[in-house]
């Protein structure tokens, strides 16, 4: 014979939430994409994508119009 469990709607909701939470991967960190960035953010972005550079190099490239 199967067991019958009596519970409140709130307890049932918590049980389902915990069960589903255990199955789903953790949400990825959300990045705030904007149309503008400062020099520090640009340097970090370039480094993350395999293009490490310095402040001086960035200033030189932008002043030269490259």
PDB file of N, CA and C in Angstrom:
ATOM      1  N   UNK A   1       0.837  -1.176   0.000  1.00  0.00           N
ATOM      2  CA  UNK A   1       0.000   0.000   0.000  1.00  0.00           C
ATOM      3  C   UNK A   1       0.885   1.244   0.000  1.00  0.00           C
ATOM      4  N   UNK A   2       0.517   2.235  -0.784  1.00  0.00           N
ATOM      5  CA  UNK A   2       1.287   3.468  -0.868  1.00  0.00           C
ATOM      6  C   UNK A   2       1.009   4.344   0.335  1.00  0.00           C
ATOM      7  N   UNK A   3       2.023   5.143   0.705  1.00  0.00           N
ATOM      8  CA  UNK A   3       1.872   6.067   1.823  1.00  0.00           C
ATOM      9  C   UNK A   3       1.135   7.310   1.361  1.00  0.00           C
ATOM     10  N   UNK A   4       0.289   7.835   2.205  1.00  0.00           N
ATOM     11  CA  UNK A   4      -0.413   9.080   1.935  1.00  0.00           C
ATOM     12  C   UNK A   4       0.162  10.132   2.868  1.00  0.00           C
ATOM     13  N   UNK A   5       0.553  11.260   2.292  1.00  0.00           N
ATOM     14  CA  UNK A   5       1.147  12.336   3.075  1.00  0.00           C
ATOM     15  C   UNK A   5       0.179  13.509   3.070  1.00  0.00           C
ATOM     16  N   UNK A   6      -0.113  14.004   4.245  1.00  0.00           N
ATOM     17  CA  UNK A   6      -0.976  15.172   4.377  1.00  0.00           C
ATOM     18  C   UNK A   6      -0.086  16.363   4.688  1.00  0.00           C
ATOM     19  N   UNK A   7      -0.231  17.434   3.909  1.00  0.00           N
ATOM     20  CA  UNK A   7       0.617  18.608   4.076  1.00  0.00           C
ATOM     21  C   UNK A   7      -0.169  19.870   3.728  1.00  0.00           C
ATOM     22  N   UNK A   8       0.396  20.976   4.091  1.00  0.00           N
ATOM     23  CA  UNK A   8      -0.232  22.258   3.754  1.00  0.00           C
ATOM     24  C   UNK A   8       0.263  22.709   2.382  1.00  0.00           C
ATOM     25  N   UNK A   9      -0.457  23.605   1.743  1.00  0.00           N
ATOM     26  CA  UNK A   9       0.016  24.115   0.445  1.00  0.00           C
ATOM     27  C   UNK A   9       1.402  24.760   0.530  1.00  0.00           C
ATOM     28  N   UNK A  10       1.685  25.467   1.624  1.00  0.00           N
ATOM     29  CA  UNK A  10       3.002  26.103   1.763  1.00  0.00           C
ATOM     30  C   UNK A  10       4.114  25.073   1.894  1.00  0.00           C
ATOM     31  N   UNK A  11       3.858  23.999   2.650  1.00  0.00           N
ATOM     32  CA  UNK A  11       4.864  22.946   2.791  1.00  0.00           C
ATOM     33  C   UNK A  11       5.093  22.244   1.456  1.00  0.00           C
ATOM     34  N   UNK A  12       4.012  21.983   0.731  1.00  0.00           N
ATOM     35  CA  UNK A  12       4.132  21.342  -0.577  1.00  0.00           C
ATOM     36  C   UNK A  12       4.919  22.223  -1.542  1.00  0.00           C
ATOM     37  N   UNK A  13       4.626  23.506  -1.515  1.00  0.00           N
ATOM     38  CA  UNK A  13       5.345  24.456  -2.368  1.00  0.00           C
ATOM     39  C   UNK A  13       6.836  24.444  -2.045  1.00  0.00           C
ATOM     40  N   UNK A  14       7.187  24.429  -0.763  1.00  0.00           N
ATOM     41  CA  UNK A  14       8.593  24.404  -0.348  1.00  0.00           C
ATOM     42  C   UNK A  14       9.267  23.105  -0.774  1.00  0.00           C
ATOM     43  N   UNK A  15       8.566  21.979  -0.654  1.00  0.00           N
ATOM     44  CA  UNK A  15       9.129  20.692  -1.066  1.00  0.00           C
ATOM     45  C   UNK A  15       9.414  20.662  -2.567  1.00  0.00           C
ATOM     46  N   UNK A  16       8.466  21.136  -3.354  1.00  0.00           N
ATOM     47  CA  UNK A  16       8.655  21.157  -4.807  1.00  0.00           C
ATOM     48  C   UNK A  16       9.781  22.113  -5.185  1.00  0.00           C
ATOM     49  N   UNK A  17       9.812  23.270  -4.536  1.00  0.00           N
ATOM     50  CA  UNK A  17      10.863  24.256  -4.814  1.00  0.00           C
ATOM     51  C   UNK A  17      12.243  23.673  -4.521  1.00  0.00           C
ATOM     52  N   UNK A  18      12.388  22.994  -3.380  1.00  0.00           N
ATOM     53  CA  UNK A  18      13.676  22.386  -3.024  1.00  0.00           C
ATOM     54  C   UNK A  18      14.061  21.290  -4.009  1.00  0.00           C
ATOM     55  N   UNK A  19      13.089  20.487  -4.437  1.00  0.00           N
ATOM     56  CA  UNK A  19      13.372  19.407  -5.377  1.00  0.00           C
ATOM     57  C   UNK A  19      13.815  19.960  -6.730  1.00  0.00           C
ATOM     58  N   UNK A  20      13.126  20.972  -7.211  1.00  0.00           N
ATOM     59  CA  UNK A  20      13.472  21.563  -8.506  1.00  0.00           C
ATOM     60  C   UNK A  20      14.798  22.307  -8.418  1.00  0.00           C
ATOM     61  N   UNK A  21      15.011  23.011  -7.314  1.00  0.00           N
ATOM     62  CA  UNK A  21      16.259  23.757  -7.125  1.00  0.00           C
ATOM     63  C   UNK A  21      17.466  22.816  -7.177  1.00  0.00           C
ATOM     64  N   UNK A  22      17.316  21.604  -6.661  1.00  0.00           N
ATOM     65  CA  UNK A  22      18.403  20.632  -6.685  1.00  0.00           C
ATOM     66  C   UNK A  22      18.706  20.109  -8.075  1.00  0.00           C
ATOM     67  N   UNK A  23      17.759  20.209  -8.983  1.00  0.00           N
ATOM     68  CA  UNK A  23      17.945  19.695 -10.338  1.00  0.00           C
ATOM     69  C   UNK A  23      18.504  20.724 -11.312  1.00  0.00           C
ATOM     70  N   UNK A  24      18.216  21.986 -11.072  1.00  0.00           N
ATOM     71  CA  UNK A  24      18.631  23.035 -12.000  1.00  0.00           C
ATOM     72  C   UNK A  24      20.028  23.555 -11.675  1.00  0.00           C
ATOM     73  N   UNK A  25      20.795  23.912 -12.698  1.00  0.00           N
ATOM     74  CA  UNK A  25      22.111  24.506 -12.435  1.00  0.00           C
ATOM     75  C   UNK A  25      21.955  25.906 -11.844  1.00  0.00           C
ATOM     76  N   UNK A  26      22.991  26.346 -11.169  1.00  0.00           N
ATOM     77  CA  UNK A  26      22.976  27.686 -10.576  1.00  0.00           C
ATOM     78  C   UNK A  26      22.906  28.727 -11.689  1.00  0.00           C
ATOM     79  N   UNK A  27      22.159  29.794 -11.493  1.00  0.00           N
ATOM     80  CA  UNK A  27      22.073  30.821 -12.538  1.00  0.00           C
ATOM     81  C   UNK A  27      23.421  31.494 -12.758  1.00  0.00           C
ATOM     82  N   UNK A  28      23.704  31.784 -14.005  1.00  0.00           N
ATOM     83  CA  UNK A  28      24.962  32.449 -14.343  1.00  0.00           C
ATOM     84  C   UNK A  28      24.911  33.902 -13.894  1.00  0.00           C
ATOM     85  N   UNK A  29      26.081  34.409 -13.605  1.00  0.00           N
ATOM     86  CA  UNK A  29      26.161  35.816 -13.205  1.00  0.00           C
ATOM     87  C   UNK A  29      25.756  36.694 -14.381  1.00  0.00           C
ATOM     88  N   UNK A  30      24.892  37.631 -14.112  1.00  0.00           N
ATOM     89  CA  UNK A  30      24.425  38.510 -15.172  1.00  0.00           C
ATOM     90  C   UNK A  30      25.389  39.669 -15.351  1.00  0.00           C
ATOM     91  N   UNK A  31      25.722  39.911 -16.600  1.00  0.00           N
ATOM     92  CA  UNK A  31      26.578  41.050 -16.908  1.00  0.00           C
ATOM     93  C   UNK A  31      25.698  42.199 -17.366  1.00  0.00           C
ATOM     94  N   UNK A  32      26.054  43.365 -16.946  1.00  0.00           N
ATOM     95  CA  UNK A  32      25.311  44.555 -17.330  1.00  0.00           C
ATOM     96  C   UNK A  32      25.974  45.148 -18.571  1.00  0.00           C
ATOM     97  N   UNK A  33      25.431  44.798 -19.740  1.00  0.00           N
ATOM     98  CA  UNK A  33      25.991  45.301 -20.993  1.00  0.00           C
ATOM     99  C   UNK A  33      25.506  46.723 -21.241  1.00  0.00           C
ATOM    100  N   UNK A  34      26.443  47.612 -21.430  1.00  0.00           N
ATOM    101  CA  UNK A  34      26.103  48.996 -21.730  1.00  0.00           C
ATOM    102  C   UNK A  34      26.818  49.412 -23.004  1.00  0.00           C
ATOM    103  N   UNK A  35      26.478  50.563 -23.489  1.00  0.00           N
ATOM    104  CA  UNK A  35      27.109  51.075 -24.701  1.00  0.00           C
ATOM    105  C   UNK A  35      28.409  51.814 -24.417  1.00  0.00           C
ATOM    106  N   UNK A  36      28.727  52.019 -23.157  1.00  0.00           N
ATOM    107  CA  UNK A  36      29.931  52.762 -22.793  1.00  0.00           C
ATOM    108  C   UNK A  36      30.721  51.983 -21.746  1.00  0.00           C
ATOM    109  N   UNK A  37      32.023  52.183 -21.746  1.00  0.00           N
ATOM    110  CA  UNK A  37      32.897  51.541 -20.766  1.00  0.00           C
ATOM    111  C   UNK A  37      34.076  52.465 -20.501  1.00  0.00           C
ATOM    112  N   UNK A  38      34.640  52.337 -19.310  1.00  0.00           N
ATOM    113  CA  UNK A  38      35.820  53.145 -19.008  1.00  0.00           C
ATOM    114  C   UNK A  38      37.077  52.360 -19.375  1.00  0.00           C
ATOM    115  N   UNK A  39      38.204  52.995 -19.256  1.00  0.00           N
ATOM    116  CA  UNK A  39      39.465  52.389 -19.687  1.00  0.00           C
ATOM    117  C   UNK A  39      39.781  51.114 -18.916  1.00  0.00           C
ATOM    118  N   UNK A  40      39.520  51.108 -17.620  1.00  0.00           N
ATOM    119  CA  UNK A  40      39.801  49.920 -16.803  1.00  0.00           C
ATOM    120  C   UNK A  40      38.954  48.737 -17.283  1.00  0.00           C
ATOM    121  N   UNK A  41      37.680  48.994 -17.585  1.00  0.00           N
ATOM    122  CA  UNK A  41      36.805  47.928 -18.080  1.00  0.00           C
ATOM    123  C   UNK A  41      37.253  47.437 -19.454  1.00  0.00           C
ATOM    124  N   UNK A  42      37.688  48.342 -20.292  1.00  0.00           N
ATOM    125  CA  UNK A  42      38.175  47.962 -21.625  1.00  0.00           C
ATOM    126  C   UNK A  42      39.424  47.095 -21.517  1.00  0.00           C
ATOM    127  N   UNK A  43      40.353  47.490 -20.664  1.00  0.00           N
ATOM    128  CA  UNK A  43      41.582  46.707 -20.490  1.00  0.00           C
ATOM    129  C   UNK A  43      41.267  45.315 -19.959  1.00  0.00           C
ATOM    130  N   UNK A  44      40.334  45.207 -19.009  1.00  0.00           N
ATOM    131  CA  UNK A  44      39.940  43.905 -18.465  1.00  0.00           C
ATOM    132  C   UNK A  44      39.277  43.053 -19.547  1.00  0.00           C
ATOM    133  N   UNK A  45      38.406  43.657 -20.337  1.00  0.00           N
ATOM    134  CA  UNK A  45      37.735  42.944 -21.423  1.00  0.00           C
ATOM    135  C   UNK A  45      38.747  42.402 -22.431  1.00  0.00           C
ATOM    136  N   UNK A  46      39.680  43.239 -22.837  1.00  0.00           N
ATOM    137  CA  UNK A  46      40.693  42.802 -23.792  1.00  0.00           C
ATOM    138  C   UNK A  46      41.547  41.676 -23.226  1.00  0.00           C
ATOM    139  N   UNK A  47      41.919  41.776 -21.958  1.00  0.00           N
ATOM    140  CA  UNK A  47      42.732  40.735 -21.327  1.00  0.00           C
ATOM    141  C   UNK A  47      41.971  39.414 -21.266  1.00  0.00           C
ATOM    142  N   UNK A  48      40.674  39.459 -20.908  1.00  0.00           N
ATOM    143  CA  UNK A  48      39.851  38.249 -20.846  1.00  0.00           C
ATOM    144  C   UNK A  48      39.747  37.570 -22.206  1.00  0.00           C
ATOM    145  N   UNK A  49      39.837  38.342 -23.268  1.00  0.00           N
ATOM    146  CA  UNK A  49      39.693  37.801 -24.614  1.00  0.00           C
ATOM    147  C   UNK A  49      41.026  37.575 -25.317  1.00  0.00           C
ATOM    148  N   UNK A  50      42.108  37.580 -24.557  1.00  0.00           N
ATOM    149  CA  UNK A  50      43.409  37.227 -25.110  1.00  0.00           C
ATOM    150  C   UNK A  50      44.190  38.354 -25.740  1.00  0.00           C
ATOM    151  N   UNK A  51      43.839  39.601 -25.426  1.00  0.00           N
ATOM    152  CA  UNK A  51      44.549  40.751 -25.971  1.00  0.00           C
ATOM    153  C   UNK A  51      45.029  41.666 -24.849  1.00  0.00           C
ATOM    154  N   UNK A  52      45.981  41.196 -24.044  1.00  0.00           N
ATOM    155  CA  UNK A  52      46.448  42.068 -22.952  1.00  0.00           C
ATOM    156  C   UNK A  52      47.167  43.289 -23.513  1.00  0.00           C
ATOM    157  N   UNK A  53      46.911  44.427 -22.928  1.00  0.00           N
ATOM    158  CA  UNK A  53      47.543  45.672 -23.357  1.00  0.00           C
ATOM    159  C   UNK A  53      47.635  46.606 -22.158  1.00  0.00           C
ATOM    160  N   UNK A  54      48.233  47.751 -22.356  1.00  0.00           N
ATOM    161  CA  UNK A  54      48.425  48.694 -21.252  1.00  0.00           C
ATOM    162  C   UNK A  54      47.663  49.982 -21.525  1.00  0.00           C
ATOM    163  N   UNK A  55      47.582  50.823 -20.486  1.00  0.00           N
ATOM    164  CA  UNK A  55      46.932  52.127 -20.644  1.00  0.00           C
ATOM    165  C   UNK A  55      47.659  52.963 -21.693  1.00  0.00           C
ATOM    166  N   UNK A  56      48.976  52.959 -21.615  1.00  0.00           N
ATOM    167  CA  UNK A  56      49.768  53.745 -22.554  1.00  0.00           C
ATOM    168  C   UNK A  56      49.530  53.334 -23.997  1.00  0.00           C
ATOM    169  N   UNK A  57      49.463  52.035 -24.237  1.00  0.00           N
ATOM    170  CA  UNK A  57      49.218  51.528 -25.588  1.00  0.00           C
ATOM    171  C   UNK A  57      47.835  51.961 -26.082  1.00  0.00           C
ATOM    172  N   UNK A  58      46.838  51.909 -25.191  1.00  0.00           N
ATOM    173  CA  UNK A  58      45.488  52.333 -25.573  1.00  0.00           C
ATOM    174  C   UNK A  58      45.462  53.817 -25.921  1.00  0.00           C
ATOM    175  N   UNK A  59      46.101  54.631 -25.087  1.00  0.00           N
ATOM    176  CA  UNK A  59      46.139  56.070 -25.364  1.00  0.00           C
ATOM    177  C   UNK A  59      46.863  56.352 -26.680  1.00  0.00           C
ATOM    178  N   UNK A  60      47.939  55.616 -26.928  1.00  0.00           N
ATOM    179  CA  UNK A  60      48.695  55.812 -28.164  1.00  0.00           C
ATOM    180  C   UNK A  60      47.846  55.440 -29.380  1.00  0.00           C
ATOM    181  N   UNK A  61      47.127  54.310 -29.299  1.00  0.00           N
ATOM    182  CA  UNK A  61      46.293  53.882 -30.419  1.00  0.00           C
ATOM    183  C   UNK A  61      45.145  54.850 -30.685  1.00  0.00           C
ATOM    184  N   UNK A  62      44.523  55.344 -29.621  1.00  0.00           N
ATOM    185  CA  UNK A  62      43.387  56.253 -29.821  1.00  0.00           C
ATOM    186  C   UNK A  62      43.836  57.627 -30.311  1.00  0.00           C
ATOM    187  N   UNK A  63      44.993  58.073 -29.871  1.00  0.00           N
ATOM    188  CA  UNK A  63      45.455  59.388 -30.329  1.00  0.00           C
ATOM    189  C   UNK A  63      45.970  59.326 -31.761  1.00  0.00           C
ATOM    190  N   UNK A  64      46.433  58.149 -32.184  1.00  0.00           N
ATOM    191  CA  UNK A  64      46.926  57.984 -33.547  1.00  0.00           C
ATOM    192  C   UNK A  64      45.778  57.763 -34.526  1.00  0.00           C
ATOM    193  N   UNK A  65      44.579  57.485 -34.009  1.00  0.00           N
ATOM    194  CA  UNK A  65      43.430  57.267 -34.880  1.00  0.00           C
ATOM    195  C   UNK A  65      43.347  55.860 -35.429  1.00  0.00           C
ATOM    196  N   UNK A  66      44.101  54.921 -34.870  1.00  0.00           N
ATOM    197  CA  UNK A  66      44.087  53.524 -35.341  1.00  0.00           C
ATOM    198  C   UNK A  66      42.925  52.755 -34.783  1.00  0.00           C
TER     199      UNK A  66
END
